[in-house]
Amino acid sequence: MINLLPPEIQQDYRYARRNSSLLRIVSMFGIGLVGIVVISAAGVWYLNQAASTYTKQAAATQTSLDVQKQTETEAKVKEMSNSLKLAVQVLSKEVLFSKLLKQLGASTPSNATLSNLSISELQGGVDITANTADYNAATQLQVNLADANNKIFDKADIVSITCTSPVNGSRYPCTVVIRALFAKNNPYLFISNSKAGA
């Protein structure tokens, strides 16, 4: 097709077409920019809402834990764990208590009675508490427990002796605490028995 329009008009048409293309491009950029601004604003609003929700949930959870006395529960769990550890340690020492008590009874003088046997810290020994008629009976008990012929303890030391005036005709006004260390070849431990059998 032959264009018979004067060159000035043809040039005006070309510029008009270019202007309309540029206007479309600029309007698309404008729309895109508006879209980006809207999306960014929506994202910021959503993040603020989510942060607010999580803050409320955290506060509610903390309140719930406070109500449930978390600290007291943790303390009880720790106490139970410590008791379990002590029980495991006692079992790991594998003391034959029935035979040990029988031998302790045989080593106790007639004017003394055993009142307590405790394992406070497992270092291979026990704390023995006894009621005695006097100081002599207390020291005799310590000598008997330290005697190597009993095969119970390597050594036995007196921790304390306390005597009070007899109340209601009590036969045993004195209390002695003795800390004793198990002998290495003690026949009242499973460990030494298994070693001896081996």
N, C-alpha and C. Protein backbone atom coordinates (compact mmCIF):
# COMPACT_ATOMS: atom_id res chain seq x y z
N MET A 1 0.84 -1.16 0.00
CA MET A 1 0.00 0.00 0.00
C MET A 1 0.90 1.24 0.00
N ILE A 2 0.56 2.18 -0.81
CA ILE A 2 1.36 3.40 -0.98
C ILE A 2 0.74 4.47 -0.11
N ASN A 3 1.59 5.11 0.71
CA ASN A 3 1.15 6.18 1.60
C ASN A 3 1.38 7.51 0.90
N LEU A 4 0.28 8.23 0.57
CA LEU A 4 0.38 9.48 -0.16
C LEU A 4 0.31 10.70 0.75
N LEU A 5 0.32 10.43 2.10
CA LEU A 5 0.26 11.57 3.03
C LEU A 5 1.58 12.33 3.02
N PRO A 6 1.54 13.58 3.30
CA PRO A 6 2.78 14.38 3.34
C PRO A 6 3.71 13.85 4.45
N PRO A 7 5.00 13.99 4.30
CA PRO A 7 5.96 13.47 5.28
C PRO A 7 5.74 14.00 6.69
N GLU A 8 5.28 15.23 6.86
CA GLU A 8 5.08 15.77 8.21
C GLU A 8 3.99 15.00 8.94
N ILE A 9 2.91 14.68 8.20
CA ILE A 9 1.79 13.97 8.84
C ILE A 9 2.22 12.53 9.15
N GLN A 10 2.97 11.93 8.23
CA GLN A 10 3.46 10.58 8.48
C GLN A 10 4.33 10.54 9.75
N GLN A 11 5.16 11.57 9.89
CA GLN A 11 6.02 11.64 11.07
C GLN A 11 5.19 11.83 12.34
N ASP A 12 4.11 12.65 12.23
CA ASP A 12 3.23 12.85 13.38
C ASP A 12 2.58 11.54 13.80
N TYR A 13 2.16 10.74 12.80
CA TYR A 13 1.54 9.44 13.10
C TYR A 13 2.54 8.49 13.79
N ARG A 14 3.77 8.50 13.29
CA ARG A 14 4.77 7.62 13.91
C ARG A 14 4.98 8.00 15.37
N TYR A 15 5.11 9.32 15.62
CA TYR A 15 5.31 9.77 17.00
C TYR A 15 4.09 9.49 17.88
N ALA A 16 2.93 9.58 17.29
CA ALA A 16 1.70 9.29 18.03
C ALA A 16 1.67 7.82 18.44
N ARG A 17 2.07 6.92 17.49
CA ARG A 17 2.10 5.50 17.83
C ARG A 17 3.13 5.23 18.94
N ARG A 18 4.30 5.87 18.83
CA ARG A 18 5.32 5.69 19.87
C ARG A 18 4.83 6.22 21.22
N ASN A 19 4.17 7.35 21.19
CA ASN A 19 3.66 7.92 22.45
C ASN A 19 2.64 6.99 23.11
N SER A 20 1.76 6.43 22.29
CA SER A 20 0.77 5.52 22.86
C SER A 20 1.44 4.27 23.44
N SER A 21 2.50 3.75 22.79
CA SER A 21 3.23 2.59 23.32
C SER A 21 3.90 2.95 24.64
N LEU A 22 4.53 4.13 24.66
CA LEU A 22 5.18 4.57 25.90
C LEU A 22 4.18 4.76 27.03
N LEU A 23 3.01 5.31 26.68
CA LEU A 23 1.98 5.50 27.70
C LEU A 23 1.52 4.16 28.27
N ARG A 24 1.36 3.15 27.40
CA ARG A 24 0.97 1.83 27.89
C ARG A 24 2.04 1.25 28.83
N ILE A 25 3.33 1.40 28.42
CA ILE A 25 4.43 0.88 29.24
C ILE A 25 4.47 1.57 30.60
N VAL A 26 4.36 2.92 30.57
CA VAL A 26 4.40 3.69 31.82
C VAL A 26 3.22 3.33 32.72
N SER A 27 2.03 3.15 32.12
CA SER A 27 0.85 2.80 32.92
C SER A 27 1.02 1.40 33.52
N MET A 28 1.63 0.46 32.76
CA MET A 28 1.88 -0.88 33.30
C MET A 28 2.86 -0.83 34.46
N PHE A 29 3.94 -0.01 34.28
CA PHE A 29 4.88 0.16 35.39
C PHE A 29 4.19 0.74 36.62
N GLY A 30 3.32 1.72 36.39
CA GLY A 30 2.59 2.34 37.50
C GLY A 30 1.72 1.33 38.22
N ILE A 31 1.00 0.52 37.41
CA ILE A 31 0.14 -0.50 38.03
C ILE A 31 0.99 -1.51 38.81
N GLY A 32 2.13 -1.93 38.22
CA GLY A 32 3.03 -2.86 38.91
C GLY A 32 3.55 -2.28 40.21
N LEU A 33 3.91 -0.99 40.18
CA LEU A 33 4.42 -0.34 41.38
C LEU A 33 3.35 -0.28 42.46
N VAL A 34 2.11 0.06 42.05
CA VAL A 34 1.01 0.09 43.01
C VAL A 34 0.79 -1.31 43.60
N GLY A 35 0.87 -2.35 42.74
CA GLY A 35 0.71 -3.73 43.21
C GLY A 35 1.78 -4.10 44.23
N ILE A 36 3.04 -3.70 43.94
CA ILE A 36 4.13 -4.00 44.89
C ILE A 36 3.89 -3.32 46.22
N VAL A 37 3.45 -2.06 46.19
CA VAL A 37 3.18 -1.33 47.43
C VAL A 37 2.07 -2.01 48.21
N VAL A 38 1.00 -2.45 47.51
CA VAL A 38 -0.13 -3.10 48.18
C VAL A 38 0.32 -4.42 48.81
N ILE A 39 1.10 -5.21 48.03
CA ILE A 39 1.57 -6.51 48.54
C ILE A 39 2.49 -6.31 49.75
N SER A 40 3.39 -5.31 49.67
CA SER A 40 4.30 -5.04 50.80
C SER A 40 3.52 -4.63 52.04
N ALA A 41 2.51 -3.75 51.85
CA ALA A 41 1.71 -3.32 52.99
C ALA A 41 0.95 -4.49 53.60
N ALA A 42 0.42 -5.38 52.73
CA ALA A 42 -0.31 -6.55 53.23
C ALA A 42 0.64 -7.48 53.98
N GLY A 43 1.87 -7.65 53.48
CA GLY A 43 2.85 -8.50 54.15
C GLY A 43 3.23 -7.97 55.52
N VAL A 44 3.46 -6.66 55.60
CA VAL A 44 3.80 -6.05 56.89
C VAL A 44 2.65 -6.21 57.88
N TRP A 45 1.42 -5.98 57.39
CA TRP A 45 0.25 -6.13 58.26
C TRP A 45 0.14 -7.58 58.75
N TYR A 46 0.34 -8.55 57.86
CA TYR A 46 0.25 -9.98 58.22
C TYR A 46 1.32 -10.34 59.26
N LEU A 47 2.56 -9.86 59.04
CA LEU A 47 3.63 -10.15 60.00
C LEU A 47 3.32 -9.56 61.37
N ASN A 48 2.78 -8.34 61.39
CA ASN A 48 2.42 -7.73 62.67
C ASN A 48 1.33 -8.54 63.38
N GLN A 49 0.34 -8.99 62.59
CA GLN A 49 -0.74 -9.79 63.17
C GLN A 49 -0.20 -11.11 63.72
N ALA A 50 0.69 -11.78 62.93
CA ALA A 50 1.26 -13.05 63.38
C ALA A 50 2.09 -12.86 64.64
N ALA A 51 2.91 -11.80 64.68
CA ALA A 51 3.73 -11.53 65.86
C ALA A 51 2.84 -11.28 67.08
N SER A 52 1.77 -10.54 66.88
CA SER A 52 0.85 -10.27 67.99
C SER A 52 0.20 -11.57 68.49
N THR A 53 -0.19 -12.43 67.54
CA THR A 53 -0.82 -13.70 67.91
C THR A 53 0.16 -14.57 68.70
N TYR A 54 1.40 -14.68 68.21
CA TYR A 54 2.40 -15.51 68.89
C TYR A 54 2.74 -14.95 70.27
N THR A 55 2.77 -13.63 70.40
CA THR A 55 3.03 -13.02 71.70
C THR A 55 1.93 -13.38 72.69
N LYS A 56 0.69 -13.33 72.22
CA LYS A 56 -0.44 -13.69 73.09
C LYS A 56 -0.38 -15.16 73.47
N GLN A 57 -0.03 -16.03 72.50
CA GLN A 57 0.07 -17.46 72.79
C GLN A 57 1.17 -17.74 73.80
N ALA A 58 2.33 -17.05 73.64
CA ALA A 58 3.44 -17.24 74.59
C ALA A 58 3.04 -16.80 75.99
N ALA A 59 2.33 -15.68 76.07
CA ALA A 59 1.88 -15.20 77.38
C ALA A 59 0.89 -16.18 78.01
N ALA A 60 -0.01 -16.71 77.18
CA ALA A 60 -0.99 -17.68 77.70
C ALA A 60 -0.29 -18.95 78.18
N THR A 61 0.73 -19.42 77.42
CA THR A 61 1.47 -20.61 77.80
C THR A 61 2.22 -20.39 79.11
N GLN A 62 2.86 -19.22 79.25
CA GLN A 62 3.59 -18.91 80.48
C GLN A 62 2.64 -18.87 81.67
N THR A 63 1.48 -18.26 81.48
CA THR A 63 0.49 -18.22 82.55
C THR A 63 0.04 -19.62 82.94
N SER A 64 -0.18 -20.45 81.91
CA SER A 64 -0.59 -21.84 82.17
C SER A 64 0.48 -22.59 82.96
N LEU A 65 1.76 -22.40 82.57
CA LEU A 65 2.85 -23.07 83.29
C LEU A 65 2.95 -22.57 84.72
N ASP A 66 2.76 -21.26 84.90
CA ASP A 66 2.79 -20.72 86.26
C ASP A 66 1.68 -21.31 87.11
N VAL A 67 0.51 -21.47 86.49
CA VAL A 67 -0.62 -22.03 87.22
C VAL A 67 -0.33 -23.48 87.60
N GLN A 68 0.34 -24.20 86.73
CA GLN A 68 0.65 -25.60 86.98
C GLN A 68 1.86 -25.77 87.90
N LYS A 69 2.38 -24.68 88.42
CA LYS A 69 3.50 -24.71 89.37
C LYS A 69 4.70 -25.46 88.78
N GLN A 70 5.16 -24.95 87.67
CA GLN A 70 6.27 -25.61 86.96
C GLN A 70 7.49 -25.76 87.85
N THR A 71 7.80 -24.72 88.62
CA THR A 71 9.00 -24.76 89.45
C THR A 71 8.90 -25.88 90.50
N GLU A 72 7.73 -25.97 91.13
CA GLU A 72 7.56 -27.03 92.13
C GLU A 72 7.64 -28.40 91.49
N THR A 73 7.05 -28.53 90.30
CA THR A 73 7.09 -29.82 89.60
C THR A 73 8.52 -30.19 89.26
N GLU A 74 9.30 -29.22 88.77
CA GLU A 74 10.70 -29.50 88.45
C GLU A 74 11.48 -29.91 89.70
N ALA A 75 11.19 -29.25 90.83
CA ALA A 75 11.88 -29.61 92.08
C ALA A 75 11.53 -31.03 92.50
N LYS A 76 10.25 -31.41 92.35
CA LYS A 76 9.85 -32.77 92.71
C LYS A 76 10.50 -33.80 91.80
N VAL A 77 10.55 -33.46 90.50
CA VAL A 77 11.18 -34.39 89.55
C VAL A 77 12.66 -34.55 89.88
N LYS A 78 13.33 -33.44 90.24
CA LYS A 78 14.75 -33.50 90.59
C LYS A 78 14.95 -34.34 91.86
N GLU A 79 14.06 -34.17 92.84
CA GLU A 79 14.17 -34.93 94.08
C GLU A 79 13.99 -36.42 93.80
N MET A 80 13.00 -36.75 92.95
CA MET A 80 12.79 -38.16 92.60
C MET A 80 13.99 -38.71 91.84
N SER A 81 14.57 -37.88 90.97
CA SER A 81 15.74 -38.32 90.21
C SER A 81 16.91 -38.60 91.14
N ASN A 82 17.11 -37.72 92.14
CA ASN A 82 18.19 -37.94 93.11
C ASN A 82 17.96 -39.21 93.92
N SER A 83 16.70 -39.45 94.31
CA SER A 83 16.39 -40.68 95.06
C SER A 83 16.66 -41.91 94.20
N LEU A 84 16.30 -41.81 92.93
CA LEU A 84 16.54 -42.93 92.03
C LEU A 84 18.03 -43.18 91.85
N LYS A 85 18.80 -42.08 91.75
CA LYS A 85 20.26 -42.24 91.62
C LYS A 85 20.84 -42.92 92.85
N LEU A 86 20.36 -42.52 94.03
CA LEU A 86 20.85 -43.15 95.27
C LEU A 86 20.50 -44.63 95.29
N ALA A 87 19.26 -44.96 94.86
CA ALA A 87 18.87 -46.37 94.83
C ALA A 87 19.74 -47.17 93.86
N VAL A 88 20.03 -46.55 92.72
CA VAL A 88 20.90 -47.23 91.74
C VAL A 88 22.30 -47.42 92.32
N GLN A 89 22.79 -46.41 93.03
CA GLN A 89 24.12 -46.54 93.64
C GLN A 89 24.13 -47.63 94.70
N VAL A 90 23.05 -47.70 95.51
CA VAL A 90 22.97 -48.75 96.53
C VAL A 90 22.97 -50.12 95.87
N LEU A 91 22.16 -50.26 94.82
CA LEU A 91 22.11 -51.54 94.13
C LEU A 91 23.43 -51.87 93.45
N SER A 92 24.13 -50.83 92.96
CA SER A 92 25.40 -51.10 92.31
C SER A 92 26.44 -51.60 93.31
N LYS A 93 26.31 -51.19 94.60
CA LYS A 93 27.20 -51.73 95.63
C LYS A 93 26.82 -53.17 95.97
N GLU A 94 25.53 -53.50 95.74
CA GLU A 94 25.02 -54.85 95.91
C GLU A 94 25.36 -55.41 97.30
N VAL A 95 24.93 -54.71 98.33
CA VAL A 95 25.18 -55.15 99.70
C VAL A 95 24.14 -56.20 100.07
N LEU A 96 24.58 -57.32 100.62
CA LEU A 96 23.66 -58.34 101.12
C LEU A 96 23.26 -57.92 102.54
N PHE A 97 22.25 -57.05 102.66
CA PHE A 97 21.92 -56.46 103.93
C PHE A 97 21.48 -57.48 104.97
N SER A 98 20.77 -58.52 104.57
CA SER A 98 20.30 -59.48 105.56
C SER A 98 21.48 -60.16 106.26
N LYS A 99 22.49 -60.57 105.50
CA LYS A 99 23.67 -61.21 106.10
C LYS A 99 24.53 -60.20 106.83
N LEU A 100 24.61 -58.98 106.28
CA LEU A 100 25.40 -57.92 106.93
C LEU A 100 24.81 -57.60 108.30
N LEU A 101 23.49 -57.45 108.39
CA LEU A 101 22.86 -57.12 109.67
C LEU A 101 23.06 -58.26 110.68
N LYS A 102 23.02 -59.49 110.20
CA LYS A 102 23.24 -60.63 111.08
C LYS A 102 24.65 -60.58 111.68
N GLN A 103 25.65 -60.28 110.83
CA GLN A 103 27.03 -60.20 111.31
C GLN A 103 27.22 -58.99 112.23
N LEU A 104 26.55 -57.87 111.91
CA LEU A 104 26.64 -56.69 112.79
C LEU A 104 26.04 -57.01 114.16
N GLY A 105 24.93 -57.74 114.16
CA GLY A 105 24.32 -58.13 115.43
C GLY A 105 25.25 -59.00 116.25
N ALA A 106 25.98 -59.90 115.59
CA ALA A 106 26.93 -60.75 116.31
C ALA A 106 28.10 -59.95 116.86
N SER A 107 28.44 -58.83 116.20
CA SER A 107 29.57 -58.00 116.65
C SER A 107 29.17 -56.98 117.71
N THR A 108 27.88 -56.85 117.97
CA THR A 108 27.39 -55.85 118.92
C THR A 108 27.46 -56.39 120.34
N PRO A 109 28.09 -55.66 121.27
CA PRO A 109 28.15 -56.13 122.66
C PRO A 109 26.75 -56.19 123.29
N SER A 110 26.64 -56.92 124.38
CA SER A 110 25.33 -57.15 125.01
C SER A 110 24.72 -55.88 125.58
N ASN A 111 25.55 -54.90 125.93
CA ASN A 111 25.01 -53.67 126.51
C ASN A 111 24.90 -52.55 125.46
N ALA A 112 24.60 -52.94 124.21
CA ALA A 112 24.41 -51.98 123.12
C ALA A 112 23.36 -52.52 122.15
N THR A 113 22.64 -51.62 121.49
CA THR A 113 21.66 -52.02 120.47
C THR A 113 21.84 -51.14 119.23
N LEU A 114 21.77 -51.75 118.07
CA LEU A 114 21.85 -50.99 116.82
C LEU A 114 20.53 -50.28 116.60
N SER A 115 20.59 -49.00 116.25
CA SER A 115 19.35 -48.26 116.02
C SER A 115 19.22 -47.76 114.58
N ASN A 116 20.34 -47.61 113.88
CA ASN A 116 20.24 -47.09 112.50
C ASN A 116 21.47 -47.49 111.71
N LEU A 117 21.23 -47.75 110.42
CA LEU A 117 22.30 -48.07 109.48
C LEU A 117 22.00 -47.26 108.23
N SER A 118 22.87 -46.32 107.89
CA SER A 118 22.56 -45.46 106.74
C SER A 118 23.74 -45.35 105.81
N ILE A 119 23.40 -45.25 104.53
CA ILE A 119 24.41 -45.03 103.49
C ILE A 119 24.12 -43.64 102.94
N SER A 120 24.84 -42.65 103.44
CA SER A 120 24.59 -41.29 102.99
C SER A 120 25.32 -40.99 101.71
N GLU A 121 26.60 -41.31 101.65
CA GLU A 121 27.40 -41.14 100.44
C GLU A 121 28.13 -42.45 100.19
N LEU A 122 27.92 -43.00 99.00
CA LEU A 122 28.48 -44.32 98.74
C LEU A 122 29.95 -44.23 98.40
N GLN A 123 30.77 -44.29 99.42
CA GLN A 123 32.22 -44.33 99.23
C GLN A 123 32.74 -45.66 99.73
N GLY A 124 31.86 -46.67 99.79
CA GLY A 124 32.28 -47.98 100.26
C GLY A 124 32.10 -48.17 101.74
N GLY A 125 31.25 -47.36 102.38
CA GLY A 125 31.06 -47.49 103.82
C GLY A 125 29.67 -47.10 104.25
N VAL A 126 29.45 -47.18 105.59
CA VAL A 126 28.14 -46.89 106.16
C VAL A 126 28.31 -46.09 107.44
N ASP A 127 27.21 -45.43 107.84
CA ASP A 127 27.15 -44.78 109.15
C ASP A 127 26.26 -45.65 110.03
N ILE A 128 26.80 -46.06 111.18
CA ILE A 128 26.07 -46.94 112.09
C ILE A 128 25.77 -46.14 113.36
N THR A 129 24.50 -46.17 113.77
CA THR A 129 24.08 -45.51 115.00
C THR A 129 23.62 -46.59 115.97
N ALA A 130 24.10 -46.49 117.22
CA ALA A 130 23.73 -47.48 118.23
C ALA A 130 23.46 -46.78 119.55
N ASN A 131 22.61 -47.41 120.35
CA ASN A 131 22.34 -46.94 121.71
C ASN A 131 23.11 -47.87 122.66
N THR A 132 23.84 -47.27 123.61
CA THR A 132 24.67 -48.07 124.52
C THR A 132 24.40 -47.68 125.97
N ALA A 133 24.84 -48.58 126.84
CA ALA A 133 24.63 -48.33 128.27
C ALA A 133 25.58 -47.26 128.80
N ASP A 134 26.81 -47.15 128.22
CA ASP A 134 27.78 -46.17 128.69
C ASP A 134 28.85 -45.96 127.62
N TYR A 135 29.87 -45.13 127.96
CA TYR A 135 30.96 -44.85 127.04
C TYR A 135 31.74 -46.13 126.71
N ASN A 136 31.94 -46.98 127.72
CA ASN A 136 32.71 -48.20 127.50
C ASN A 136 32.05 -49.10 126.45
N ALA A 137 30.73 -49.22 126.52
CA ALA A 137 30.02 -50.05 125.55
C ALA A 137 30.14 -49.46 124.15
N ALA A 138 30.12 -48.11 124.08
CA ALA A 138 30.25 -47.45 122.78
C ALA A 138 31.61 -47.73 122.15
N THR A 139 32.66 -47.60 122.97
CA THR A 139 34.00 -47.85 122.43
C THR A 139 34.21 -49.33 122.14
N GLN A 140 33.58 -50.21 122.92
CA GLN A 140 33.69 -51.65 122.66
C GLN A 140 33.04 -52.01 121.32
N LEU A 141 31.92 -51.36 121.02
CA LEU A 141 31.26 -51.58 119.72
C LEU A 141 32.18 -51.17 118.58
N GLN A 142 32.85 -50.01 118.75
CA GLN A 142 33.78 -49.55 117.71
C GLN A 142 34.93 -50.53 117.54
N VAL A 143 35.47 -51.06 118.63
CA VAL A 143 36.57 -52.03 118.56
C VAL A 143 36.10 -53.31 117.87
N ASN A 144 34.90 -53.78 118.22
CA ASN A 144 34.37 -55.00 117.59
C ASN A 144 34.18 -54.83 116.08
N LEU A 145 33.67 -53.67 115.67
CA LEU A 145 33.43 -53.44 114.24
C LEU A 145 34.74 -53.31 113.47
N ALA A 146 35.77 -52.77 114.12
CA ALA A 146 37.07 -52.59 113.46
C ALA A 146 37.88 -53.88 113.44
N ASP A 147 37.46 -54.90 114.19
CA ASP A 147 38.20 -56.16 114.26
C ASP A 147 38.22 -56.84 112.89
N ALA A 148 39.40 -57.18 112.41
CA ALA A 148 39.56 -57.79 111.08
C ALA A 148 38.93 -59.18 111.02
N ASN A 149 38.80 -59.85 112.16
CA ASN A 149 38.21 -61.20 112.16
C ASN A 149 36.73 -61.20 111.78
N ASN A 150 36.07 -60.06 111.94
CA ASN A 150 34.66 -59.97 111.55
C ASN A 150 34.47 -59.94 110.04
N LYS A 151 35.50 -59.55 109.30
CA LYS A 151 35.50 -59.49 107.83
C LYS A 151 34.42 -58.55 107.28
N ILE A 152 34.06 -57.55 108.09
CA ILE A 152 33.05 -56.60 107.62
C ILE A 152 33.71 -55.32 107.14
N PHE A 153 34.50 -54.69 108.04
CA PHE A 153 35.06 -53.38 107.76
C PHE A 153 36.57 -53.38 107.85
N ASP A 154 37.18 -52.53 107.02
CA ASP A 154 38.62 -52.29 107.13
C ASP A 154 38.92 -51.43 108.35
N LYS A 155 38.05 -50.43 108.57
CA LYS A 155 38.23 -49.59 109.74
C LYS A 155 36.88 -49.03 110.16
N ALA A 156 36.79 -48.66 111.43
CA ALA A 156 35.58 -48.08 111.98
C ALA A 156 35.99 -46.96 112.93
N ASP A 157 35.49 -45.76 112.68
CA ASP A 157 35.85 -44.60 113.51
C ASP A 157 34.61 -44.05 114.20
N ILE A 158 34.80 -43.63 115.44
CA ILE A 158 33.70 -43.01 116.18
C ILE A 158 33.55 -41.57 115.70
N VAL A 159 32.34 -41.24 115.28
CA VAL A 159 32.04 -39.87 114.87
C VAL A 159 31.61 -39.05 116.08
N SER A 160 30.74 -39.64 116.90
CA SER A 160 30.30 -38.92 118.11
C SER A 160 29.73 -39.90 119.13
N ILE A 161 29.86 -39.52 120.40
CA ILE A 161 29.20 -40.24 121.49
C ILE A 161 28.47 -39.20 122.32
N THR A 162 27.18 -39.42 122.54
CA THR A 162 26.37 -38.49 123.31
C THR A 162 25.64 -39.27 124.40
N CYS A 163 25.82 -38.85 125.64
CA CYS A 163 25.13 -39.50 126.75
C CYS A 163 24.24 -38.48 127.45
N THR A 164 23.06 -38.93 127.82
CA THR A 164 22.12 -38.09 128.57
C THR A 164 21.73 -38.84 129.84
N SER A 165 21.10 -38.12 130.75
CA SER A 165 20.65 -38.79 131.97
C SER A 165 19.52 -39.75 131.61
N PRO A 166 19.52 -40.94 132.21
CA PRO A 166 18.50 -41.94 131.88
C PRO A 166 17.10 -41.41 132.11
N VAL A 167 16.21 -41.66 131.13
CA VAL A 167 14.83 -41.22 131.24
C VAL A 167 13.96 -42.47 131.40
N ASN A 168 13.10 -42.47 132.46
CA ASN A 168 12.20 -43.61 132.73
C ASN A 168 12.97 -44.92 132.82
N GLY A 169 14.14 -44.88 133.43
CA GLY A 169 14.92 -46.10 133.63
C GLY A 169 15.46 -46.70 132.34
N SER A 170 15.76 -45.88 131.36
CA SER A 170 16.29 -46.37 130.08
C SER A 170 17.62 -47.07 130.30
N ARG A 171 17.80 -48.24 129.66
CA ARG A 171 19.04 -48.99 129.80
C ARG A 171 20.14 -48.45 128.89
N TYR A 172 19.77 -47.66 127.89
CA TYR A 172 20.75 -47.20 126.90
C TYR A 172 20.69 -45.67 126.76
N PRO A 173 21.29 -44.94 127.71
CA PRO A 173 21.22 -43.47 127.65
C PRO A 173 22.23 -42.85 126.67
N CYS A 174 23.17 -43.65 126.17
CA CYS A 174 24.20 -43.10 125.28
C CYS A 174 23.89 -43.46 123.82
N THR A 175 24.26 -42.54 122.93
CA THR A 175 24.12 -42.77 121.49
C THR A 175 25.48 -42.58 120.85
N VAL A 176 25.90 -43.57 120.07
CA VAL A 176 27.19 -43.50 119.39
C VAL A 176 26.95 -43.58 117.88
N VAL A 177 27.69 -42.77 117.13
CA VAL A 177 27.66 -42.81 115.67
C VAL A 177 29.04 -43.24 115.19
N ILE A 178 29.08 -44.31 114.41
CA ILE A 178 30.35 -44.86 113.92
C ILE A 178 30.32 -44.87 112.40
N ARG A 179 31.37 -44.36 111.79
CA ARG A 179 31.51 -44.42 110.33
C ARG A 179 32.49 -45.54 110.01
N ALA A 180 32.03 -46.52 109.23
CA ALA A 180 32.84 -47.71 108.94
C ALA A 180 33.02 -47.87 107.44
N LEU A 181 34.21 -48.33 107.05
CA LEU A 181 34.55 -48.54 105.64
C LEU A 181 34.60 -50.03 105.37
N PHE A 182 33.83 -50.48 104.35
CA PHE A 182 33.78 -51.90 104.03
C PHE A 182 35.16 -52.45 103.69
N ALA A 183 35.41 -53.68 104.13
CA ALA A 183 36.66 -54.36 103.76
C ALA A 183 36.60 -54.74 102.29
N LYS A 184 37.77 -54.80 101.65
CA LYS A 184 37.81 -55.09 100.22
C LYS A 184 37.32 -56.51 99.92
N ASN A 185 37.62 -57.47 100.79
CA ASN A 185 37.20 -58.85 100.59
C ASN A 185 35.98 -59.18 101.43
N ASN A 186 35.10 -58.21 101.56
CA ASN A 186 33.89 -58.36 102.36
C ASN A 186 32.99 -59.43 101.75
N PRO A 187 32.65 -60.50 102.49
CA PRO A 187 31.79 -61.55 101.93
C PRO A 187 30.33 -61.13 101.86
N TYR A 188 30.00 -59.90 102.30
CA TYR A 188 28.62 -59.44 102.29
C TYR A 188 28.31 -58.55 101.10
N LEU A 189 29.20 -58.56 100.10
CA LEU A 189 28.98 -57.82 98.86
C LEU A 189 28.96 -58.81 97.70
N PHE A 190 27.99 -58.64 96.80
CA PHE A 190 27.95 -59.49 95.62
C PHE A 190 29.22 -59.35 94.80
N ILE A 191 29.75 -58.13 94.76
CA ILE A 191 30.91 -57.84 93.92
C ILE A 191 32.10 -58.70 94.35
N SER A 192 32.36 -58.71 95.68
CA SER A 192 33.51 -59.49 96.15
C SER A 192 33.24 -60.98 95.98
N ASN A 193 31.96 -61.41 96.14
CA ASN A 193 31.64 -62.81 95.93
C ASN A 193 31.91 -63.24 94.50
N SER A 194 31.49 -62.38 93.54
CA SER A 194 31.69 -62.74 92.14
C SER A 194 33.17 -62.77 91.81
N LYS A 195 33.94 -61.87 92.43
CA LYS A 195 35.39 -61.88 92.18
C LYS A 195 36.01 -63.12 92.77
N ALA A 196 35.54 -63.51 93.97
CA ALA A 196 36.10 -64.69 94.61
C ALA A 196 35.77 -65.92 93.80
N GLY A 197 34.53 -65.98 93.24
CA GLY A 197 34.14 -67.12 92.42
C GLY A 197 34.93 -67.19 91.14
N ALA A 198 35.29 -66.00 90.60
CA ALA A 198 36.06 -65.97 89.37
C ALA A 198 37.46 -66.46 89.64
